[in-house]
Amino acid sequence: MIPHTTIRITRPTDNLEKIARMYMDGLGFQELGSFNDHQGFDGIIGHPQQVYHLEFTHHRGTTAGNTPTQDNLLVFYIGDKNEWEKSCAQMIAAGFTPVKPYNSYWDFEGKTFEYLDGYRVVLQCRHWPL
């Protein structure tokens, strides 16, 4: 992989505006860009200070449904305990629901949250790389 490559992860949703707001309020994402009815797709992307983009899309006239399994995760490593605790509180305030992880490994120094579509986000209280 070429250094400084940006990765974009795309998640379909039937709750585009709500999910985008939850990620903005819970994890500090920003709307770096958006599109409406681009060949039937709407979308919102971004986090301004990371080398990844998380894009949420909705294909008009279709139903995305929920995640296929409870093990579809995005994991964020937060090394500072105070920042981790603050982030966990922000997730709850933004509407994410704390849940028991499907894989108990994520209970070790972490908290798992679920949102409207059944997808899950794990906040790990440690640095990467381990």
C-alpha atoms as a PDB file:
ATOM      1  CA  MET A   1       0.000   0.000   0.000  1.00  0.00           C
ATOM      2  CA  ILE A   2       1.269   3.448  -0.866  1.00  0.00           C
ATOM      3  CA  PRO A   3       2.059   5.566   2.246  1.00  0.00           C
ATOM      4  CA  HIS A   4      -0.561   8.168   3.147  1.00  0.00           C
ATOM      5  CA  THR A   5      -3.314   6.335   1.279  1.00  0.00           C
ATOM      6  CA  THR A   6      -6.793   7.276   2.424  1.00  0.00           C
ATOM      7  CA  ILE A   7      -9.292   4.481   2.889  1.00  0.00           C
ATOM      8  CA  ARG A   8     -13.036   5.033   2.572  1.00  0.00           C
ATOM      9  CA  ILE A   9     -15.426   2.628   4.255  1.00  0.00           C
ATOM     10  CA  THR A  10     -19.004   2.875   3.039  1.00  0.00           C
ATOM     11  CA  ARG A  11     -22.007   1.767   5.049  1.00  0.00           C
ATOM     12  CA  PRO A  12     -25.504   1.714   3.561  1.00  0.00           C
ATOM     13  CA  THR A  13     -28.312   2.925   5.790  1.00  0.00           C
ATOM     14  CA  ASP A  14     -32.007   3.682   5.799  1.00  0.00           C
ATOM     15  CA  ASN A  15     -31.347   6.378   8.435  1.00  0.00           C
ATOM     16  CA  LEU A  16     -28.814   8.621   6.680  1.00  0.00           C
ATOM     17  CA  GLU A  17     -29.349  11.906   8.537  1.00  0.00           C
ATOM     18  CA  LYS A  18     -29.757  10.294  11.981  1.00  0.00           C
ATOM     19  CA  ILE A  19     -26.670   8.083  11.620  1.00  0.00           C
ATOM     20  CA  ALA A  20     -24.545  10.958  10.315  1.00  0.00           C
ATOM     21  CA  ARG A  21     -25.608  13.122  13.271  1.00  0.00           C
ATOM     22  CA  MET A  22     -24.783  10.321  15.732  1.00  0.00           C
ATOM     23  CA  TYR A  23     -21.251   9.981  14.321  1.00  0.00           C
ATOM     24  CA  MET A  24     -20.743  13.740  14.340  1.00  0.00           C
ATOM     25  CA  ASP A  25     -21.936  14.111  17.929  1.00  0.00           C
ATOM     26  CA  GLY A  26     -20.494  10.855  19.257  1.00  0.00           C
ATOM     27  CA  LEU A  27     -17.114  10.636  17.501  1.00  0.00           C
ATOM     28  CA  GLY A  28     -16.376  14.134  16.213  1.00  0.00           C
ATOM     29  CA  PHE A  29     -16.958  13.408  12.535  1.00  0.00           C
ATOM     30  CA  GLN A  30     -17.751  16.307  10.243  1.00  0.00           C
ATOM     31  CA  GLU A  31     -19.561  16.552   6.975  1.00  0.00           C
ATOM     32  CA  LEU A  32     -16.558  16.778   4.649  1.00  0.00           C
ATOM     33  CA  GLY A  33     -18.787  16.291   1.682  1.00  0.00           C
ATOM     34  CA  SER A  34     -22.236  15.143   0.753  1.00  0.00           C
ATOM     35  CA  PHE A  35     -24.241  14.311  -2.316  1.00  0.00           C
ATOM     36  CA  ASN A  36     -27.934  14.129  -3.107  1.00  0.00           C
ATOM     37  CA  ASP A  37     -29.502  11.944  -5.782  1.00  0.00           C
ATOM     38  CA  HIS A  38     -26.188  11.073  -7.430  1.00  0.00           C
ATOM     39  CA  GLN A  39     -27.566   8.352  -9.708  1.00  0.00           C
ATOM     40  CA  GLY A  40     -30.105   7.612  -6.999  1.00  0.00           C
ATOM     41  CA  PHE A  41     -27.659   7.734  -4.088  1.00  0.00           C
ATOM     42  CA  ASP A  42     -27.409  10.204  -1.206  1.00  0.00           C
ATOM     43  CA  GLY A  43     -24.373  10.274   1.059  1.00  0.00           C
ATOM     44  CA  ILE A  44     -22.363  11.994   3.767  1.00  0.00           C
ATOM     45  CA  ILE A  45     -18.662  11.462   4.526  1.00  0.00           C
ATOM     46  CA  GLY A  46     -15.812  12.365   6.742  1.00  0.00           C
ATOM     47  CA  HIS A  47     -13.505  12.947   9.620  1.00  0.00           C
ATOM     48  CA  PRO A  48     -11.209  15.912   9.066  1.00  0.00           C
ATOM     49  CA  GLN A  49      -8.099  14.666  10.871  1.00  0.00           C
ATOM     50  CA  GLN A  50      -7.890  10.999   9.927  1.00  0.00           C
ATOM     51  CA  VAL A  51      -6.550   9.030   6.963  1.00  0.00           C
ATOM     52  CA  TYR A  52      -9.886   7.315   6.528  1.00  0.00           C
ATOM     53  CA  HIS A  53     -13.335   8.386   5.471  1.00  0.00           C
ATOM     54  CA  LEU A  54     -16.455   6.774   6.788  1.00  0.00           C
ATOM     55  CA  GLU A  55     -19.230   7.305   4.292  1.00  0.00           C
ATOM     56  CA  PHE A  56     -22.905   6.652   4.883  1.00  0.00           C
ATOM     57  CA  THR A  57     -25.133   6.207   1.860  1.00  0.00           C
ATOM     58  CA  HIS A  58     -28.742   5.625   1.026  1.00  0.00           C
ATOM     59  CA  HIS A  59     -29.910   4.292  -2.336  1.00  0.00           C
ATOM     60  CA  ARG A  60     -33.286   5.821  -3.037  1.00  0.00           C
ATOM     61  CA  GLY A  61     -36.103   3.338  -3.525  1.00  0.00           C
ATOM     62  CA  THR A  62     -34.259   0.491  -1.782  1.00  0.00           C
ATOM     63  CA  THR A  63     -33.986  -0.803   1.764  1.00  0.00           C
ATOM     64  CA  ALA A  64     -30.545  -1.352   3.257  1.00  0.00           C
ATOM     65  CA  GLY A  65     -31.832  -3.157   6.329  1.00  0.00           C
ATOM     66  CA  ASN A  66     -29.747  -4.013   9.365  1.00  0.00           C
ATOM     67  CA  THR A  67     -26.265  -5.442   9.688  1.00  0.00           C
ATOM     68  CA  PRO A  68     -25.951  -9.156   8.827  1.00  0.00           C
ATOM     69  CA  THR A  69     -24.194 -10.057  12.127  1.00  0.00           C
ATOM     70  CA  GLN A  70     -23.318  -8.577  15.509  1.00  0.00           C
ATOM     71  CA  ASP A  71     -19.636  -8.880  14.633  1.00  0.00           C
ATOM     72  CA  ASN A  72     -19.662  -6.074  12.017  1.00  0.00           C
ATOM     73  CA  LEU A  73     -17.515  -3.620  13.947  1.00  0.00           C
ATOM     74  CA  LEU A  74     -15.631  -0.379  13.639  1.00  0.00           C
ATOM     75  CA  VAL A  75     -12.986  -0.297  16.372  1.00  0.00           C
ATOM     76  CA  PHE A  76     -11.383   2.964  17.512  1.00  0.00           C
ATOM     77  CA  TYR A  77      -8.331   2.833  19.781  1.00  0.00           C
ATOM     78  CA  ILE A  78      -8.172   5.745  22.219  1.00  0.00           C
ATOM     79  CA  GLY A  79      -5.004   5.641  24.316  1.00  0.00           C
ATOM     80  CA  ASP A  80      -5.829   8.319  26.874  1.00  0.00           C
ATOM     81  CA  LYS A  81      -8.251   7.070  29.574  1.00  0.00           C
ATOM     82  CA  ASN A  82      -9.814  10.507  30.127  1.00  0.00           C
ATOM     83  CA  GLU A  83     -10.427  10.926  26.383  1.00  0.00           C
ATOM     84  CA  TRP A  84     -11.810   7.393  26.202  1.00  0.00           C
ATOM     85  CA  GLU A  85     -14.256   8.057  29.058  1.00  0.00           C
ATOM     86  CA  LYS A  86     -15.275  11.360  27.452  1.00  0.00           C
ATOM     87  CA  SER A  87     -15.785   9.597  24.104  1.00  0.00           C
ATOM     88  CA  CYS A  88     -17.912   6.864  25.715  1.00  0.00           C
ATOM     89  CA  ALA A  89     -20.126   9.517  27.334  1.00  0.00           C
ATOM     90  CA  GLN A  90     -20.430  11.369  24.012  1.00  0.00           C
ATOM     91  CA  MET A  91     -21.476   8.147  22.272  1.00  0.00           C
ATOM     92  CA  ILE A  92     -24.335   7.627  24.731  1.00  0.00           C
ATOM     93  CA  ALA A  93     -25.405  11.276  24.504  1.00  0.00           C
ATOM     94  CA  ALA A  94     -25.403  10.983  20.688  1.00  0.00           C
ATOM     95  CA  GLY A  95     -27.818   8.029  20.794  1.00  0.00           C
ATOM     96  CA  PHE A  96     -25.509   5.006  20.585  1.00  0.00           C
ATOM     97  CA  THR A  97     -26.616   2.157  22.875  1.00  0.00           C
ATOM     98  CA  PRO A  98     -24.043   0.327  25.030  1.00  0.00           C
ATOM     99  CA  VAL A  99     -24.316  -3.425  24.368  1.00  0.00           C
ATOM    100  CA  LYS A 100     -22.607  -6.639  25.383  1.00  0.00           C
ATOM    101  CA  PRO A 101     -20.126  -7.504  22.621  1.00  0.00           C
ATOM    102  CA  TYR A 102     -20.660 -10.574  20.487  1.00  0.00           C
ATOM    103  CA  ASN A 103     -16.979 -11.430  21.034  1.00  0.00           C
ATOM    104  CA  SER A 104     -16.075 -10.993  24.720  1.00  0.00           C
ATOM    105  CA  TYR A 105     -12.545  -9.903  23.705  1.00  0.00           C
ATOM    106  CA  TRP A 106     -13.936  -6.390  23.175  1.00  0.00           C
ATOM    107  CA  ASP A 107     -14.924  -6.180  26.857  1.00  0.00           C
ATOM    108  CA  PHE A 108     -11.219  -6.149  27.731  1.00  0.00           C
ATOM    109  CA  GLU A 109     -10.434  -2.439  28.016  1.00  0.00           C
ATOM    110  CA  GLY A 110     -13.325  -1.532  25.754  1.00  0.00           C
ATOM    111  CA  LYS A 111     -16.978  -0.653  25.369  1.00  0.00           C
ATOM    112  CA  THR A 112     -19.230  -1.716  22.544  1.00  0.00           C
ATOM    113  CA  PHE A 113     -22.025   0.479  21.210  1.00  0.00           C
ATOM    114  CA  GLU A 114     -24.757  -0.230  18.683  1.00  0.00           C
ATOM    115  CA  TYR A 115     -26.731   2.169  16.500  1.00  0.00           C
ATOM    116  CA  LEU A 116     -30.026   2.159  14.630  1.00  0.00           C
ATOM    117  CA  ASP A 117     -28.964  -0.218  11.840  1.00  0.00           C
ATOM    118  CA  GLY A 118     -27.498  -2.806  14.221  1.00  0.00           C
ATOM    119  CA  TYR A 119     -23.893  -1.955  13.347  1.00  0.00           C
ATOM    120  CA  ARG A 120     -21.508  -1.718  16.246  1.00  0.00           C
ATOM    121  CA  VAL A 121     -18.668   0.560  17.273  1.00  0.00           C
ATOM    122  CA  VAL A 122     -16.045  -0.425  19.828  1.00  0.00           C
ATOM    123  CA  LEU A 123     -14.024   2.144  21.753  1.00  0.00           C
ATOM    124  CA  GLN A 124     -10.857   0.482  23.092  1.00  0.00           C
ATOM    125  CA  CYS A 125      -8.991   2.229  25.881  1.00  0.00           C
ATOM    126  CA  ARG A 126      -5.487   1.539  24.634  1.00  0.00           C
ATOM    127  CA  HIS A 127      -2.992   2.613  22.014  1.00  0.00           C
ATOM    128  CA  TRP A 128      -2.489   1.010  18.647  1.00  0.00           C
ATOM    129  CA  PRO A 129      -0.179  -0.694  17.805  1.00  0.00           C
ATOM    130  CA  LEU A 130      -0.327  -3.001  20.780  1.00  0.00           C
END
